[in-house]
Amino acid sequence: MLNNNNLFNLFLLICRFIKPYIQICPENIFVVEDEYGLCGYAVATIDAKQFYEQCKEECLPDVRSGILYKTIKYYSVCMCRE
């Protein structure tokens, strides 16, 4: 069952680890599905060094500023109220 803490942790995981790939190299994101539905995902980058440099410039400032944390907290609370 989804509650505020579970949803918050899920969003935090997505924003911290998946969002950079979505933002920088979305063509390398794959979703795995079987007969029961969605069961996993894979993300990759062709050039790890370039990805890291882009990530430092484009993604980490939002993480460091705390704006992602506040946004995720807000949406996780709102979604659990529905």
C-alpha atoms as a PDB file:
ATOM      1  CA  MET A   1       0.000   0.000   0.000  1.00  0.00           C
ATOM      2  CA  LEU A   2       1.268   3.453  -0.886  1.00  0.00           C
ATOM      3  CA  ASN A   3       1.703   5.928   1.896  1.00  0.00           C
ATOM      4  CA  ASN A   4       3.567   9.219   2.111  1.00  0.00           C
ATOM      5  CA  ASN A   5       6.881   7.640   3.107  1.00  0.00           C
ATOM      6  CA  ASN A   6       6.828   4.928   0.431  1.00  0.00           C
ATOM      7  CA  LEU A   7       5.834   7.348  -2.306  1.00  0.00           C
ATOM      8  CA  PHE A   8       8.378   9.909  -1.165  1.00  0.00           C
ATOM      9  CA  ASN A   9      11.142   7.292  -1.213  1.00  0.00           C
ATOM     10  CA  LEU A  10      10.091   6.127  -4.679  1.00  0.00           C
ATOM     11  CA  PHE A  11      10.121   9.677  -6.061  1.00  0.00           C
ATOM     12  CA  LEU A  12      13.448  10.384  -4.370  1.00  0.00           C
ATOM     13  CA  LEU A  13      14.941   7.272  -5.960  1.00  0.00           C
ATOM     14  CA  ILE A  14      13.627   8.234  -9.392  1.00  0.00           C
ATOM     15  CA  CYS A  15      14.833  11.824  -9.168  1.00  0.00           C
ATOM     16  CA  ARG A  16      18.233  10.941  -7.785  1.00  0.00           C
ATOM     17  CA  PHE A  17      19.129   8.001 -10.006  1.00  0.00           C
ATOM     18  CA  ILE A  18      16.844   7.947 -13.044  1.00  0.00           C
ATOM     19  CA  LYS A  19      16.139  11.624 -13.790  1.00  0.00           C
ATOM     20  CA  PRO A  20      19.689  12.360 -15.008  1.00  0.00           C
ATOM     21  CA  TYR A  21      19.358   9.611 -17.614  1.00  0.00           C
ATOM     22  CA  ILE A  22      15.922  10.879 -18.656  1.00  0.00           C
ATOM     23  CA  GLN A  23      17.305  14.383 -18.981  1.00  0.00           C
ATOM     24  CA  ILE A  24      20.652  13.601 -20.652  1.00  0.00           C
ATOM     25  CA  CYS A  25      20.263  10.354 -22.608  1.00  0.00           C
ATOM     26  CA  PRO A  26      16.604   9.243 -22.784  1.00  0.00           C
ATOM     27  CA  GLU A  27      17.336   7.047 -25.800  1.00  0.00           C
ATOM     28  CA  ASN A  28      19.175   4.626 -23.474  1.00  0.00           C
ATOM     29  CA  ILE A  29      16.307   3.879 -21.076  1.00  0.00           C
ATOM     30  CA  PHE A  30      14.526   0.548 -21.384  1.00  0.00           C
ATOM     31  CA  VAL A  31      11.501  -0.808 -19.533  1.00  0.00           C
ATOM     32  CA  VAL A  32      11.157  -4.554 -19.061  1.00  0.00           C
ATOM     33  CA  GLU A  33       7.734  -6.148 -19.201  1.00  0.00           C
ATOM     34  CA  ASP A  34       6.606  -9.751 -18.876  1.00  0.00           C
ATOM     35  CA  GLU A  35       3.217 -11.474 -18.954  1.00  0.00           C
ATOM     36  CA  TYR A  36       2.408  -9.998 -15.501  1.00  0.00           C
ATOM     37  CA  GLY A  37       3.225  -6.399 -16.419  1.00  0.00           C
ATOM     38  CA  LEU A  38       6.137  -4.104 -15.748  1.00  0.00           C
ATOM     39  CA  CYS A  39       8.957  -5.864 -13.938  1.00  0.00           C
ATOM     40  CA  GLY A  40      12.091  -3.753 -14.312  1.00  0.00           C
ATOM     41  CA  TYR A  41      14.107  -1.201 -16.153  1.00  0.00           C
ATOM     42  CA  ALA A  42      17.614  -0.582 -17.458  1.00  0.00           C
ATOM     43  CA  VAL A  43      19.413   2.701 -17.957  1.00  0.00           C
ATOM     44  CA  ALA A  44      22.727   3.271 -19.674  1.00  0.00           C
ATOM     45  CA  THR A  45      24.991   5.884 -21.137  1.00  0.00           C
ATOM     46  CA  ILE A  46      27.419   5.572 -24.002  1.00  0.00           C
ATOM     47  CA  ASP A  47      30.118   7.803 -22.488  1.00  0.00           C
ATOM     48  CA  ALA A  48      30.243   7.702 -18.684  1.00  0.00           C
ATOM     49  CA  LYS A  49      32.741  10.552 -18.355  1.00  0.00           C
ATOM     50  CA  GLN A  50      30.689  12.899 -20.548  1.00  0.00           C
ATOM     51  CA  PHE A  51      27.503  11.848 -18.760  1.00  0.00           C
ATOM     52  CA  TYR A  52      29.061  12.605 -15.371  1.00  0.00           C
ATOM     53  CA  GLU A  53      30.197  16.058 -16.521  1.00  0.00           C
ATOM     54  CA  GLN A  54      26.740  16.870 -17.909  1.00  0.00           C
ATOM     55  CA  CYS A  55      25.124  15.524 -14.765  1.00  0.00           C
ATOM     56  CA  LYS A  56      27.271  17.805 -12.577  1.00  0.00           C
ATOM     57  CA  GLU A  57      26.242  20.832 -14.644  1.00  0.00           C
ATOM     58  CA  GLU A  58      22.573  20.058 -15.346  1.00  0.00           C
ATOM     59  CA  CYS A  59      21.229  17.791 -12.608  1.00  0.00           C
ATOM     60  CA  LEU A  60      23.209  18.158  -9.398  1.00  0.00           C
ATOM     61  CA  PRO A  61      22.465  21.865  -8.832  1.00  0.00           C
ATOM     62  CA  ASP A  62      18.781  20.968  -8.345  1.00  0.00           C
ATOM     63  CA  VAL A  63      19.696  18.198  -5.923  1.00  0.00           C
ATOM     64  CA  ARG A  64      22.058  20.442  -3.963  1.00  0.00           C
ATOM     65  CA  SER A  65      19.594  23.325  -3.777  1.00  0.00           C
ATOM     66  CA  GLY A  66      16.969  21.125  -2.128  1.00  0.00           C
ATOM     67  CA  ILE A  67      14.307  22.059  -4.670  1.00  0.00           C
ATOM     68  CA  LEU A  68      13.855  18.434  -5.726  1.00  0.00           C
ATOM     69  CA  TYR A  69      13.407  17.336  -2.129  1.00  0.00           C
ATOM     70  CA  LYS A  70      10.699  19.958  -1.518  1.00  0.00           C
ATOM     71  CA  THR A  71       8.935  19.198  -4.806  1.00  0.00           C
ATOM     72  CA  ILE A  72       8.970  15.441  -4.221  1.00  0.00           C
ATOM     73  CA  LYS A  73       7.708  15.844  -0.664  1.00  0.00           C
ATOM     74  CA  TYR A  74       4.836  18.049  -1.890  1.00  0.00           C
ATOM     75  CA  TYR A  75       3.739  15.655  -4.662  1.00  0.00           C
ATOM     76  CA  SER A  76       4.030  12.535  -2.512  1.00  0.00           C
ATOM     77  CA  VAL A  77       1.701  14.088   0.075  1.00  0.00           C
ATOM     78  CA  CYS A  78      -0.755  15.265  -2.605  1.00  0.00           C
ATOM     79  CA  MET A  79      -0.896  11.889  -4.366  1.00  0.00           C
ATOM     80  CA  CYS A  80      -1.596   9.986  -1.171  1.00  0.00           C
ATOM     81  CA  ARG A  81      -4.562  12.245  -0.404  1.00  0.00           C
ATOM     82  CA  GLU A  82      -6.358  11.264  -3.609  1.00  0.00           C
END
